[in-house]
Amino acid sequence: MKISVLGSGSKGNSIFCEAGNSKFLIDIGFSYKQICSRLSAIGESPEDIEFILISHEHGDHIKGLETFLKKHPIEFYTSFGTRKYLYSKISNASKGNVMGRGKVLKCGTASIRSVDLKHDSAGNIGFYIKDADAAALFIYDTGDIPEMILKKIKKVDVLVIEANHDIDLLFGSKYPWNLKRRILGEKGHLSNEQGFEFFAELIEAGAGIRYVVPFHLSEENNSHEKVMKVYTEGFLRKNSVELIMTFQDQPSKVIEL
């Protein structure tokens, strides 16, 4: 398995993943030119992308979808609500497939399951990807993580988890109260502490996490320093977990398992 966050933040989000000998993207919130540049930076090519997973329809997750599909006739997979929304927004929405609850997408020797998440969108989903070598869980753009996930998912080598905001910075920001309330709600975004709490619960449950990747950091209400403080070095060393930071303007370190 191979994973790199090509970019993450309010201006765009996209993740490259290779599992079961298949290469694909999770979300594509950058222009085609940017996607090509970021793939090249990690030694990959858009021609080798076999399909795209879409978490939900917000612009910072789908900005480059229509153009990418025009240049590369591949399919994408998403929730029913998001696909329905996209039919009125992009010309090639017919390439979309629904990842229904409990449905398993097979790609080579890998399997992909959708994870239902709460967000103020037409239908947000996370993803659990497993192949012969490793398992990865992607949870972001949600204000609440269902307890069911802890019960159903036992093995997680890589956790990509939202770390959208520091609560104190958010409360002290110039954001209007209705926006703050949206972010803090169960259909908003996870704080550093909420993401860490879920990570710690997976550790306690024996998931076997080797890498944790905080994702979707707010430019105004968070910082890498704030995130690293929450994911304390002592805790990470004790549990043999490596912290991989993500950036808005460049790809993250490539994780290979």
Protein backbone atom coordinates (compact mmCIF):
# COMPACT_ATOMS: atom_id res chain seq x y z
CA MET A 1 0.00 0.00 0.00
CA LYS A 2 1.16 3.51 -0.82
CA ILE A 3 -0.45 6.77 0.37
CA SER A 4 0.34 10.46 -0.01
CA VAL A 5 -1.89 13.44 0.76
CA LEU A 6 -1.40 15.57 -2.36
CA GLY A 7 -2.77 18.61 -0.55
CA SER A 8 -5.18 19.36 2.26
CA GLY A 9 -7.06 22.40 3.50
CA SER A 10 -9.97 24.70 2.67
CA LYS A 11 -8.48 25.48 -0.77
CA GLY A 12 -8.42 21.87 -1.93
CA ASN A 13 -8.04 18.24 -0.88
CA SER A 14 -6.80 15.14 -2.66
CA ILE A 15 -5.09 11.89 -1.68
CA PHE A 16 -3.15 9.45 -3.82
CA CYS A 17 -3.48 5.81 -2.89
CA GLU A 18 -2.15 2.55 -4.28
CA ALA A 19 -3.68 -0.66 -2.96
CA GLY A 20 -4.00 -4.14 -4.44
CA ASN A 21 -1.95 -3.04 -7.49
CA SER A 22 -4.50 -0.33 -8.30
CA LYS A 23 -3.76 3.40 -8.23
CA PHE A 24 -6.54 5.86 -7.47
CA LEU A 25 -7.39 9.23 -5.96
CA ILE A 26 -9.54 10.01 -2.96
CA ASP A 27 -11.15 13.39 -3.75
CA ILE A 28 -9.83 15.79 -6.36
CA GLY A 29 -10.18 19.34 -5.09
CA PHE A 30 -7.42 20.87 -7.22
CA SER A 31 -7.21 21.91 -10.86
CA TYR A 32 -6.05 19.34 -13.39
CA LYS A 33 -2.72 21.15 -13.73
CA GLN A 34 -2.19 21.07 -9.97
CA ILE A 35 -3.11 17.39 -9.71
CA CYS A 36 -0.64 16.51 -12.46
CA SER A 37 2.09 18.56 -10.79
CA ARG A 38 1.51 17.00 -7.36
CA LEU A 39 1.37 13.48 -8.74
CA SER A 40 4.63 14.11 -10.57
CA ALA A 41 6.20 15.33 -7.31
CA ILE A 42 5.69 11.86 -5.81
CA GLY A 43 6.69 10.00 -8.97
CA GLU A 44 3.18 9.23 -10.21
CA SER A 45 1.22 10.01 -13.39
CA PRO A 46 -2.46 10.87 -14.04
CA GLU A 47 -2.49 8.26 -16.82
CA ASP A 48 -2.08 5.52 -14.20
CA ILE A 49 -5.08 6.59 -12.09
CA GLU A 50 -7.74 3.88 -12.45
CA PHE A 51 -10.66 5.49 -10.60
CA ILE A 52 -11.55 8.21 -8.09
CA LEU A 53 -13.31 8.02 -4.72
CA ILE A 54 -15.30 11.12 -3.76
CA SER A 55 -16.15 11.73 -0.10
CA HIS A 56 -18.73 14.47 -0.78
CA GLU A 57 -19.63 17.26 -3.19
CA HIS A 58 -18.11 20.38 -1.60
CA GLY A 59 -15.88 22.32 -3.98
CA ASP A 60 -12.62 21.72 -2.13
CA HIS A 61 -13.13 17.99 -2.79
CA ILE A 62 -14.44 17.94 -6.40
CA LYS A 63 -12.99 21.04 -8.12
CA GLY A 64 -10.88 19.02 -10.58
CA LEU A 65 -13.25 16.07 -11.09
CA GLU A 66 -14.99 17.13 -14.29
CA THR A 67 -11.80 18.07 -16.13
CA PHE A 68 -9.93 14.98 -14.98
CA LEU A 69 -12.74 12.73 -16.24
CA LYS A 70 -12.75 14.52 -19.60
CA LYS A 71 -9.05 13.87 -20.05
CA HIS A 72 -9.07 10.38 -18.58
CA PRO A 73 -12.24 8.29 -19.17
CA ILE A 74 -12.35 6.57 -15.80
CA GLU A 75 -15.12 6.10 -13.24
CA PHE A 76 -15.68 7.54 -9.79
CA TYR A 77 -17.40 6.20 -6.69
CA THR A 78 -19.34 8.17 -4.10
CA SER A 79 -22.52 8.22 -2.01
CA PHE A 80 -25.99 8.26 -3.55
CA GLY A 81 -26.59 11.84 -2.36
CA THR A 82 -23.36 13.17 -3.82
CA ARG A 83 -23.84 11.44 -7.17
CA LYS A 84 -27.38 12.82 -7.39
CA TYR A 85 -26.08 16.34 -6.67
CA LEU A 86 -23.33 16.03 -9.28
CA TYR A 87 -25.79 15.20 -12.06
CA SER A 88 -26.79 18.86 -12.13
CA LYS A 89 -23.24 20.18 -11.75
CA ILE A 90 -20.84 18.29 -14.03
CA SER A 91 -21.23 16.98 -17.57
CA ASN A 92 -19.80 13.51 -16.90
CA ALA A 93 -21.67 12.56 -13.73
CA SER A 94 -22.83 9.38 -15.51
CA LYS A 95 -19.37 7.98 -14.77
CA GLY A 96 -20.37 7.98 -11.11
CA ASN A 97 -21.13 4.80 -9.18
CA VAL A 98 -22.85 4.60 -5.81
CA MET A 99 -20.96 3.11 -2.89
CA GLY A 100 -23.93 1.90 -0.89
CA ARG A 101 -23.87 0.93 2.78
CA GLY A 102 -22.11 -2.40 3.19
CA LYS A 103 -21.06 -2.54 -0.47
CA VAL A 104 -17.45 -3.62 -1.10
CA LEU A 105 -15.51 -2.26 -4.07
CA LYS A 106 -12.85 -4.70 -5.23
CA CYS A 107 -9.73 -3.38 -6.93
CA GLY A 108 -7.15 -6.06 -7.60
CA THR A 109 -6.49 -7.77 -4.27
CA ALA A 110 -7.75 -4.78 -2.29
CA SER A 111 -11.20 -4.03 -0.91
CA ILE A 112 -12.77 -0.62 -0.25
CA ARG A 113 -15.72 -0.03 2.06
CA SER A 114 -17.56 3.25 2.55
CA VAL A 115 -18.07 4.64 6.06
CA ASP A 116 -21.14 6.83 6.65
CA LEU A 117 -20.24 10.21 8.20
CA LYS A 118 -22.21 13.28 9.28
CA HIS A 119 -21.55 16.54 7.42
CA ASP A 120 -23.60 19.37 5.95
CA SER A 121 -23.47 17.83 2.50
CA ALA A 122 -25.65 15.68 0.27
CA GLY A 123 -24.00 12.52 1.57
CA ASN A 124 -20.53 12.36 3.11
CA ILE A 125 -18.56 9.11 3.39
CA GLY A 126 -15.17 8.02 4.62
CA PHE A 127 -13.28 4.99 3.38
CA TYR A 128 -11.72 1.83 4.79
CA ILE A 129 -9.20 0.31 2.40
CA LYS A 130 -7.52 -3.03 2.94
CA ASP A 131 -5.15 -5.14 0.89
CA ALA A 132 -2.80 -8.03 1.59
CA ASP A 133 -0.21 -5.75 3.19
CA ALA A 134 -2.08 -3.10 5.18
CA ALA A 135 -5.32 -1.32 6.05
CA ALA A 136 -6.09 2.42 5.96
CA LEU A 137 -9.00 4.41 7.37
CA PHE A 138 -9.95 7.87 6.05
CA ILE A 139 -12.19 9.97 8.33
CA TYR A 140 -12.68 13.70 7.64
CA ASP A 141 -15.22 16.45 7.00
CA THR A 142 -17.38 15.34 9.88
CA GLY A 143 -18.19 16.69 13.31
CA ASP A 144 -18.95 13.30 14.82
CA ILE A 145 -17.54 9.79 14.42
CA PRO A 146 -20.08 6.97 14.82
CA GLU A 147 -19.21 4.51 17.60
CA MET A 148 -20.02 1.74 15.15
CA ILE A 149 -16.68 2.33 13.42
CA LEU A 150 -14.76 1.30 16.52
CA LYS A 151 -16.85 -1.87 16.76
CA LYS A 152 -16.52 -2.88 13.12
CA ILE A 153 -12.95 -1.89 12.22
CA LYS A 154 -10.25 -3.83 14.03
CA LYS A 155 -7.10 -3.30 11.96
CA VAL A 156 -5.79 0.14 10.93
CA ASP A 157 -2.18 0.64 9.84
CA VAL A 158 -2.76 4.18 8.53
CA LEU A 159 -5.30 6.61 9.98
CA VAL A 160 -6.05 9.76 7.99
CA ILE A 161 -8.07 11.81 10.46
CA GLU A 162 -9.43 15.35 10.37
CA ALA A 163 -7.70 17.95 12.54
CA ASN A 164 -9.60 20.97 11.30
CA HIS A 165 -9.31 23.44 14.16
CA ASP A 166 -7.98 24.35 17.56
CA ILE A 167 -11.04 25.18 19.66
CA ASP A 168 -9.49 28.23 21.36
CA LEU A 169 -8.32 29.68 18.05
CA LEU A 170 -11.75 29.11 16.51
CA PHE A 171 -13.59 30.82 19.37
CA GLY A 172 -11.17 33.75 19.24
CA SER A 173 -11.34 34.10 15.46
CA LYS A 174 -13.22 36.71 13.47
CA TYR A 175 -15.58 34.09 12.06
CA PRO A 176 -19.26 34.98 12.60
CA TRP A 177 -21.01 32.94 15.28
CA ASN A 178 -23.18 31.03 12.80
CA LEU A 179 -20.04 29.77 11.03
CA LYS A 180 -18.39 28.84 14.33
CA ARG A 181 -21.52 26.96 15.33
CA ARG A 182 -21.52 25.09 12.01
CA ILE A 183 -17.89 24.05 12.39
CA LEU A 184 -18.41 22.90 15.99
CA GLY A 185 -21.61 20.96 15.25
CA GLU A 186 -21.90 17.24 14.58
CA LYS A 187 -22.22 18.01 10.86
CA GLY A 188 -19.20 20.32 10.87
CA HIS A 189 -15.55 19.45 11.44
CA LEU A 190 -13.46 17.61 14.01
CA SER A 191 -11.12 19.57 16.27
CA ASN A 192 -7.56 18.47 16.99
CA GLU A 193 -8.71 16.99 20.29
CA GLN A 194 -11.65 15.10 18.79
CA GLY A 195 -9.48 13.54 16.10
CA PHE A 196 -6.83 12.59 18.66
CA GLU A 197 -9.45 11.06 20.95
CA PHE A 198 -10.62 8.75 18.15
CA PHE A 199 -6.99 7.90 17.30
CA ALA A 200 -6.30 7.05 20.97
CA GLU A 201 -9.42 4.87 21.14
CA LEU A 202 -8.23 2.89 18.11
CA ILE A 203 -4.82 2.48 19.75
CA GLU A 204 -6.47 1.24 22.94
CA ALA A 205 -8.58 -1.19 20.92
CA GLY A 206 -5.41 -2.69 19.44
CA ALA A 207 -5.85 -1.49 15.85
CA GLY A 208 -2.09 -1.55 15.26
CA ILE A 209 -1.74 1.99 13.88
CA ARG A 210 1.69 2.71 12.42
CA TYR A 211 1.00 6.13 10.88
CA VAL A 212 -1.45 8.89 11.84
CA VAL A 213 -2.08 11.64 9.28
CA PRO A 214 -3.92 14.77 10.57
CA PHE A 215 -5.88 16.22 7.64
CA HIS A 216 -7.77 19.35 6.54
CA LEU A 217 -6.07 21.87 8.89
CA SER A 218 -7.71 25.30 8.92
CA GLU A 219 -5.33 28.04 7.83
CA GLU A 220 -6.85 30.52 10.27
CA ASN A 221 -7.85 28.32 13.19
CA ASN A 222 -5.08 25.76 13.43
CA SER A 223 -1.35 25.19 12.95
CA HIS A 224 1.08 22.32 12.64
CA GLU A 225 2.44 23.25 16.06
CA LYS A 226 -1.02 22.97 17.63
CA VAL A 227 -1.57 19.58 16.04
CA MET A 228 1.82 18.24 17.13
CA LYS A 229 1.18 19.42 20.67
CA VAL A 230 -2.03 17.38 20.82
CA TYR A 231 -0.38 14.31 19.30
CA THR A 232 2.39 14.39 21.90
CA GLU A 233 5.74 12.92 20.94
CA GLY A 234 5.79 10.78 24.07
CA PHE A 235 2.43 9.21 23.25
CA LEU A 236 3.51 8.51 19.67
CA ARG A 237 6.85 6.95 20.71
CA LYS A 238 5.19 4.82 23.37
CA ASN A 239 2.83 3.38 20.77
CA SER A 240 5.34 3.26 17.87
CA VAL A 241 3.29 5.58 15.68
CA GLU A 242 4.74 8.06 13.18
CA LEU A 243 2.99 11.42 12.75
CA ILE A 244 2.77 12.52 9.09
CA MET A 245 1.93 16.19 8.59
CA THR A 246 -0.11 17.42 5.63
CA PHE A 247 0.10 20.71 3.74
CA GLN A 248 -2.14 22.84 1.54
CA ASP A 249 0.49 23.62 -1.08
CA GLN A 250 2.48 20.40 -1.42
CA PRO A 251 2.22 16.62 -1.07
CA SER A 252 2.92 14.92 2.23
CA LYS A 253 5.58 12.31 2.82
CA VAL A 254 4.76 9.11 0.94
CA ILE A 255 3.75 6.23 3.21
CA GLU A 256 4.70 2.79 1.88
CA LEU A 257 3.69 -0.46 3.54
